[in-house]
Amino acid sequence: MQNVRKFRKLLVFLSFLFIVMISLLCSDTALAVKVNPAGTTINDTLEGDRVDPNCINYGMIETYPDGKFGMHLPDRGFASNFGRVITHGQRAHGIYAAMPYSTVTNEGGGSITTYGYDAYGIYVPNLYSTATNKSGGSITTEGHLDCGIRADNNSTATNSGIIDTKGQFACGMYTTYQLHSHE
């Protein structure tokens, strides 16, 4: 009789654990990723947050206001673009990773196009981040002072795809290295 009670308690506990696990898997909490699915167009930034900073685009993102990014990582994380990202505003970067140690990838088949002034395809301004345009990926910039990929402060930029810049004083890739001194 004692074993039957233990078995029932174990069964109840496992059932509860199973329900919690399924609930987490069906929510963004378990995956910690914001996703724009294929076939979907959004006219706002696909943006992670401090809890779930990661985001993936399979669909289309198109933004118009100045400073409105296509994808944005406000905290350390990753962003992957398999779809299309189009921005029209001034300083409206295609993908912007604000914090150090972030990873941004324009995957094969992904495309990023910026039309605004000083708008980068991918921009990683902080320490030790990685920006990659993979083979089959394309980044096009149309505005003046645009960069296909800009990586600052010891961040890494890699291009195996196509970067096409059309505006005045635009560049395909631009990186900076900042030596920190301790005085």
C-alpha atoms as a PDB file:
ATOM      1  CA  MET A   1       0.000   0.000   0.000  1.00  0.00           C
ATOM      2  CA  GLN A   2       2.870   2.315   0.836  1.00  0.00           C
ATOM      3  CA  ASN A   3       4.383   1.776  -2.627  1.00  0.00           C
ATOM      4  CA  VAL A   4       1.083   2.605  -4.329  1.00  0.00           C
ATOM      5  CA  ARG A   5       0.954   6.008  -2.557  1.00  0.00           C
ATOM      6  CA  LYS A   6       4.537   6.759  -3.519  1.00  0.00           C
ATOM      7  CA  PHE A   7       3.810   5.775  -7.099  1.00  0.00           C
ATOM      8  CA  ARG A   8       0.720   8.039  -7.212  1.00  0.00           C
ATOM      9  CA  LYS A   9       2.704  10.975  -5.800  1.00  0.00           C
ATOM     10  CA  LEU A  10       5.453  10.365  -8.345  1.00  0.00           C
ATOM     11  CA  LEU A  11       2.876  10.165 -11.129  1.00  0.00           C
ATOM     12  CA  VAL A  12       1.251  13.447 -10.052  1.00  0.00           C
ATOM     13  CA  PHE A  13       4.646  15.149  -9.830  1.00  0.00           C
ATOM     14  CA  LEU A  14       5.728  13.883 -13.279  1.00  0.00           C
ATOM     15  CA  SER A  15       2.405  14.972 -14.784  1.00  0.00           C
ATOM     16  CA  PHE A  16       2.849  18.450 -13.315  1.00  0.00           C
ATOM     17  CA  LEU A  17       6.437  18.596 -14.579  1.00  0.00           C
ATOM     18  CA  PHE A  18       5.305  17.503 -18.047  1.00  0.00           C
ATOM     19  CA  ILE A  19       2.628  20.222 -18.197  1.00  0.00           C
ATOM     20  CA  VAL A  20       5.126  22.898 -17.119  1.00  0.00           C
ATOM     21  CA  MET A  21       7.646  21.699 -19.705  1.00  0.00           C
ATOM     22  CA  ILE A  22       5.066  21.762 -22.526  1.00  0.00           C
ATOM     23  CA  SER A  23       3.934  25.246 -21.464  1.00  0.00           C
ATOM     24  CA  LEU A  24       7.498  26.548 -21.608  1.00  0.00           C
ATOM     25  CA  LEU A  25       8.155  24.968 -24.993  1.00  0.00           C
ATOM     26  CA  CYS A  26       5.026  26.550 -26.460  1.00  0.00           C
ATOM     27  CA  SER A  27       5.950  30.022 -25.230  1.00  0.00           C
ATOM     28  CA  ASP A  28       8.792  32.383 -26.157  1.00  0.00           C
ATOM     29  CA  THR A  29      10.130  31.952 -22.624  1.00  0.00           C
ATOM     30  CA  ALA A  30      11.766  28.598 -23.253  1.00  0.00           C
ATOM     31  CA  LEU A  31      13.267  29.537 -26.579  1.00  0.00           C
ATOM     32  CA  ALA A  32      14.093  33.137 -25.664  1.00  0.00           C
ATOM     33  CA  VAL A  33      13.789  34.162 -29.315  1.00  0.00           C
ATOM     34  CA  LYS A  34      11.545  36.690 -31.067  1.00  0.00           C
ATOM     35  CA  VAL A  35      10.625  35.336 -34.518  1.00  0.00           C
ATOM     36  CA  ASN A  36       9.082  36.911 -37.605  1.00  0.00           C
ATOM     37  CA  PRO A  37       7.818  33.839 -39.520  1.00  0.00           C
ATOM     38  CA  ALA A  38       8.119  33.285 -43.281  1.00  0.00           C
ATOM     39  CA  GLY A  39       5.292  34.870 -45.259  1.00  0.00           C
ATOM     40  CA  THR A  40       4.818  37.618 -42.666  1.00  0.00           C
ATOM     41  CA  THR A  41       5.522  41.322 -43.215  1.00  0.00           C
ATOM     42  CA  ILE A  42       5.977  43.628 -40.253  1.00  0.00           C
ATOM     43  CA  ASN A  43       6.404  47.409 -40.410  1.00  0.00           C
ATOM     44  CA  ASP A  44       8.086  47.750 -37.064  1.00  0.00           C
ATOM     45  CA  THR A  45      11.414  46.767 -35.553  1.00  0.00           C
ATOM     46  CA  LEU A  46      11.819  43.085 -34.694  1.00  0.00           C
ATOM     47  CA  GLU A  47      13.299  43.684 -31.287  1.00  0.00           C
ATOM     48  CA  GLY A  48      14.528  41.527 -28.492  1.00  0.00           C
ATOM     49  CA  ASP A  49      14.308  42.792 -24.941  1.00  0.00           C
ATOM     50  CA  ARG A  50      16.402  42.492 -21.788  1.00  0.00           C
ATOM     51  CA  VAL A  51      14.844  39.114 -20.963  1.00  0.00           C
ATOM     52  CA  ASP A  52      14.721  37.641 -24.488  1.00  0.00           C
ATOM     53  CA  PRO A  53      17.290  39.588 -26.553  1.00  0.00           C
ATOM     54  CA  ASN A  54      17.506  37.168 -29.489  1.00  0.00           C
ATOM     55  CA  CYS A  55      15.569  37.535 -32.738  1.00  0.00           C
ATOM     56  CA  ILE A  56      15.229  35.715 -36.069  1.00  0.00           C
ATOM     57  CA  ASN A  57      13.616  36.985 -39.257  1.00  0.00           C
ATOM     58  CA  TYR A  58      12.258  34.585 -41.883  1.00  0.00           C
ATOM     59  CA  GLY A  59       9.732  37.024 -43.347  1.00  0.00           C
ATOM     60  CA  MET A  60       9.936  40.668 -44.342  1.00  0.00           C
ATOM     61  CA  ILE A  61      10.570  43.718 -42.164  1.00  0.00           C
ATOM     62  CA  GLU A  62      10.147  47.216 -43.617  1.00  0.00           C
ATOM     63  CA  THR A  63      10.501  50.400 -41.556  1.00  0.00           C
ATOM     64  CA  TYR A  64      10.147  54.072 -42.543  1.00  0.00           C
ATOM     65  CA  PRO A  65      10.890  56.532 -39.703  1.00  0.00           C
ATOM     66  CA  ASP A  66      14.351  57.936 -39.024  1.00  0.00           C
ATOM     67  CA  GLY A  67      16.284  55.826 -36.544  1.00  0.00           C
ATOM     68  CA  LYS A  68      13.889  52.862 -36.890  1.00  0.00           C
ATOM     69  CA  PHE A  69      15.973  49.690 -37.200  1.00  0.00           C
ATOM     70  CA  GLY A  70      14.846  46.541 -38.991  1.00  0.00           C
ATOM     71  CA  MET A  71      16.109  44.277 -36.195  1.00  0.00           C
ATOM     72  CA  HIS A  72      17.454  45.384 -32.819  1.00  0.00           C
ATOM     73  CA  LEU A  73      19.307  43.602 -30.026  1.00  0.00           C
ATOM     74  CA  PRO A  74      19.133  45.844 -26.946  1.00  0.00           C
ATOM     75  CA  ASP A  75      21.173  43.363 -24.911  1.00  0.00           C
ATOM     76  CA  ARG A  76      23.799  40.700 -25.547  1.00  0.00           C
ATOM     77  CA  GLY A  77      22.390  38.035 -27.844  1.00  0.00           C
ATOM     78  CA  PHE A  78      22.041  37.034 -31.471  1.00  0.00           C
ATOM     79  CA  ALA A  79      20.080  38.145 -34.512  1.00  0.00           C
ATOM     80  CA  SER A  80      19.737  36.093 -37.691  1.00  0.00           C
ATOM     81  CA  ASN A  81      18.124  37.259 -40.917  1.00  0.00           C
ATOM     82  CA  PHE A  82      16.937  34.620 -43.389  1.00  0.00           C
ATOM     83  CA  GLY A  83      14.343  36.940 -44.990  1.00  0.00           C
ATOM     84  CA  ARG A  84      14.267  40.577 -46.114  1.00  0.00           C
ATOM     85  CA  VAL A  85      15.009  43.679 -44.049  1.00  0.00           C
ATOM     86  CA  ILE A  86      14.352  47.113 -45.622  1.00  0.00           C
ATOM     87  CA  THR A  87      14.773  50.466 -43.868  1.00  0.00           C
ATOM     88  CA  HIS A  88      14.023  53.926 -45.284  1.00  0.00           C
ATOM     89  CA  GLY A  89      14.967  56.368 -42.523  1.00  0.00           C
ATOM     90  CA  GLN A  90      18.062  58.316 -41.632  1.00  0.00           C
ATOM     91  CA  ARG A  91      20.356  56.227 -39.363  1.00  0.00           C
ATOM     92  CA  ALA A  92      17.860  53.387 -39.703  1.00  0.00           C
ATOM     93  CA  HIS A  93      20.243  50.419 -39.648  1.00  0.00           C
ATOM     94  CA  GLY A  94      19.102  47.068 -41.022  1.00  0.00           C
ATOM     95  CA  ILE A  95      20.287  45.152 -37.948  1.00  0.00           C
ATOM     96  CA  TYR A  96      21.639  46.942 -34.873  1.00  0.00           C
ATOM     97  CA  ALA A  97      23.222  45.154 -31.907  1.00  0.00           C
ATOM     98  CA  ALA A  98      23.585  47.660 -29.081  1.00  0.00           C
ATOM     99  CA  MET A  99      25.566  45.675 -26.514  1.00  0.00           C
ATOM    100  CA  PRO A 100      28.965  43.926 -26.441  1.00  0.00           C
ATOM    101  CA  TYR A 101      29.399  40.237 -27.255  1.00  0.00           C
ATOM    102  CA  SER A 102      26.472  40.135 -29.696  1.00  0.00           C
ATOM    103  CA  THR A 103      26.317  38.045 -32.862  1.00  0.00           C
ATOM    104  CA  VAL A 104      24.543  39.280 -35.985  1.00  0.00           C
ATOM    105  CA  THR A 105      24.241  37.159 -39.136  1.00  0.00           C
ATOM    106  CA  ASN A 106      22.697  37.831 -42.521  1.00  0.00           C
ATOM    107  CA  GLU A 107      22.218  34.230 -43.570  1.00  0.00           C
ATOM    108  CA  GLY A 108      22.450  32.788 -47.097  1.00  0.00           C
ATOM    109  CA  GLY A 109      19.321  33.961 -48.901  1.00  0.00           C
ATOM    110  CA  GLY A 110      18.852  36.863 -46.492  1.00  0.00           C
ATOM    111  CA  SER A 111      18.836  40.426 -47.812  1.00  0.00           C
ATOM    112  CA  ILE A 112      19.236  43.784 -46.101  1.00  0.00           C
ATOM    113  CA  THR A 113      18.567  47.085 -47.913  1.00  0.00           C
ATOM    114  CA  THR A 114      18.892  50.565 -46.408  1.00  0.00           C
ATOM    115  CA  TYR A 115      17.778  53.752 -48.186  1.00  0.00           C
ATOM    116  CA  GLY A 116      18.467  56.433 -45.578  1.00  0.00           C
ATOM    117  CA  TYR A 117      21.441  58.670 -44.923  1.00  0.00           C
ATOM    118  CA  ASP A 118      24.080  57.160 -42.593  1.00  0.00           C
ATOM    119  CA  ALA A 119      22.163  53.872 -42.383  1.00  0.00           C
ATOM    120  CA  TYR A 120      24.260  50.697 -42.117  1.00  0.00           C
ATOM    121  CA  GLY A 121      23.183  47.234 -43.215  1.00  0.00           C
ATOM    122  CA  ILE A 122      24.588  45.701 -40.015  1.00  0.00           C
ATOM    123  CA  TYR A 123      25.968  47.770 -37.147  1.00  0.00           C
ATOM    124  CA  VAL A 124      27.754  46.353 -34.080  1.00  0.00           C
ATOM    125  CA  PRO A 125      29.203  49.349 -32.196  1.00  0.00           C
ATOM    126  CA  ASN A 126      30.312  47.702 -28.975  1.00  0.00           C
ATOM    127  CA  LEU A 127      33.072  45.412 -27.794  1.00  0.00           C
ATOM    128  CA  TYR A 128      33.735  41.972 -29.203  1.00  0.00           C
ATOM    129  CA  SER A 129      30.602  41.567 -31.271  1.00  0.00           C
ATOM    130  CA  THR A 130      30.459  39.682 -34.562  1.00  0.00           C
ATOM    131  CA  ALA A 131      28.765  40.785 -37.797  1.00  0.00           C
ATOM    132  CA  THR A 132      28.596  38.306 -40.696  1.00  0.00           C
ATOM    133  CA  ASN A 133      27.138  38.376 -44.192  1.00  0.00           C
ATOM    134  CA  LYS A 134      27.170  34.719 -45.250  1.00  0.00           C
ATOM    135  CA  SER A 135      27.547  33.321 -48.759  1.00  0.00           C
ATOM    136  CA  GLY A 136      24.258  33.902 -50.583  1.00  0.00           C
ATOM    137  CA  GLY A 137      23.407  36.861 -48.344  1.00  0.00           C
ATOM    138  CA  SER A 138      23.197  40.390 -49.724  1.00  0.00           C
ATOM    139  CA  ILE A 139      23.469  43.851 -48.227  1.00  0.00           C
ATOM    140  CA  THR A 140      22.616  46.927 -50.311  1.00  0.00           C
ATOM    141  CA  THR A 141      22.878  50.531 -49.134  1.00  0.00           C
ATOM    142  CA  GLU A 142      21.531  53.456 -51.157  1.00  0.00           C
ATOM    143  CA  GLY A 143      22.256  56.485 -48.948  1.00  0.00           C
ATOM    144  CA  HIS A 144      25.245  58.740 -48.401  1.00  0.00           C
ATOM    145  CA  LEU A 145      27.743  57.741 -45.682  1.00  0.00           C
ATOM    146  CA  ASP A 146      26.247  54.250 -45.481  1.00  0.00           C
ATOM    147  CA  CYS A 147      28.228  51.089 -44.735  1.00  0.00           C
ATOM    148  CA  GLY A 148      27.252  47.548 -45.603  1.00  0.00           C
ATOM    149  CA  ILE A 149      28.728  46.347 -42.296  1.00  0.00           C
ATOM    150  CA  ARG A 150      30.194  48.521 -39.561  1.00  0.00           C
ATOM    151  CA  ALA A 151      31.937  46.899 -36.603  1.00  0.00           C
ATOM    152  CA  ASP A 152      33.507  49.087 -33.908  1.00  0.00           C
ATOM    153  CA  ASN A 153      35.576  48.574 -30.749  1.00  0.00           C
ATOM    154  CA  ASN A 154      37.316  45.267 -31.425  1.00  0.00           C
ATOM    155  CA  SER A 155      34.270  43.716 -33.073  1.00  0.00           C
ATOM    156  CA  THR A 156      34.626  41.441 -36.093  1.00  0.00           C
ATOM    157  CA  ALA A 157      33.097  41.870 -39.556  1.00  0.00           C
ATOM    158  CA  THR A 158      33.066  39.035 -42.103  1.00  0.00           C
ATOM    159  CA  ASN A 159      31.646  39.032 -45.611  1.00  0.00           C
ATOM    160  CA  SER A 160      31.222  35.959 -47.803  1.00  0.00           C
ATOM    161  CA  GLY A 161      28.177  37.323 -49.646  1.00  0.00           C
ATOM    162  CA  ILE A 162      27.486  40.477 -51.653  1.00  0.00           C
ATOM    163  CA  ILE A 163      27.717  44.037 -50.349  1.00  0.00           C
ATOM    164  CA  ASP A 164      26.649  46.788 -52.778  1.00  0.00           C
ATOM    165  CA  THR A 165      26.927  50.439 -51.693  1.00  0.00           C
ATOM    166  CA  LYS A 166      25.563  53.166 -53.960  1.00  0.00           C
ATOM    167  CA  GLY A 167      25.630  56.466 -52.045  1.00  0.00           C
ATOM    168  CA  GLN A 168      28.390  59.062 -51.831  1.00  0.00           C
ATOM    169  CA  PHE A 169      31.150  58.260 -49.338  1.00  0.00           C
ATOM    170  CA  ALA A 170      29.628  54.847 -48.682  1.00  0.00           C
ATOM    171  CA  CYS A 171      31.751  51.794 -47.869  1.00  0.00           C
ATOM    172  CA  GLY A 172      31.264  48.060 -48.001  1.00  0.00           C
ATOM    173  CA  MET A 173      32.800  47.327 -44.602  1.00  0.00           C
ATOM    174  CA  TYR A 174      34.236  49.582 -41.921  1.00  0.00           C
ATOM    175  CA  THR A 175      35.841  48.562 -38.642  1.00  0.00           C
ATOM    176  CA  THR A 176      37.495  50.434 -35.813  1.00  0.00           C
ATOM    177  CA  TYR A 177      39.842  49.278 -33.123  1.00  0.00           C
ATOM    178  CA  GLN A 178      40.011  51.116 -29.840  1.00  0.00           C
ATOM    179  CA  LEU A 179      42.907  50.500 -27.500  1.00  0.00           C
ATOM    180  CA  HIS A 180      41.778  51.004 -23.930  1.00  0.00           C
ATOM    181  CA  SER A 181      44.377  52.519 -21.634  1.00  0.00           C
ATOM    182  CA  HIS A 182      44.426  52.450 -17.896  1.00  0.00           C
ATOM    183  CA  GLU A 183      45.730  55.732 -16.517  1.00  0.00           C
END
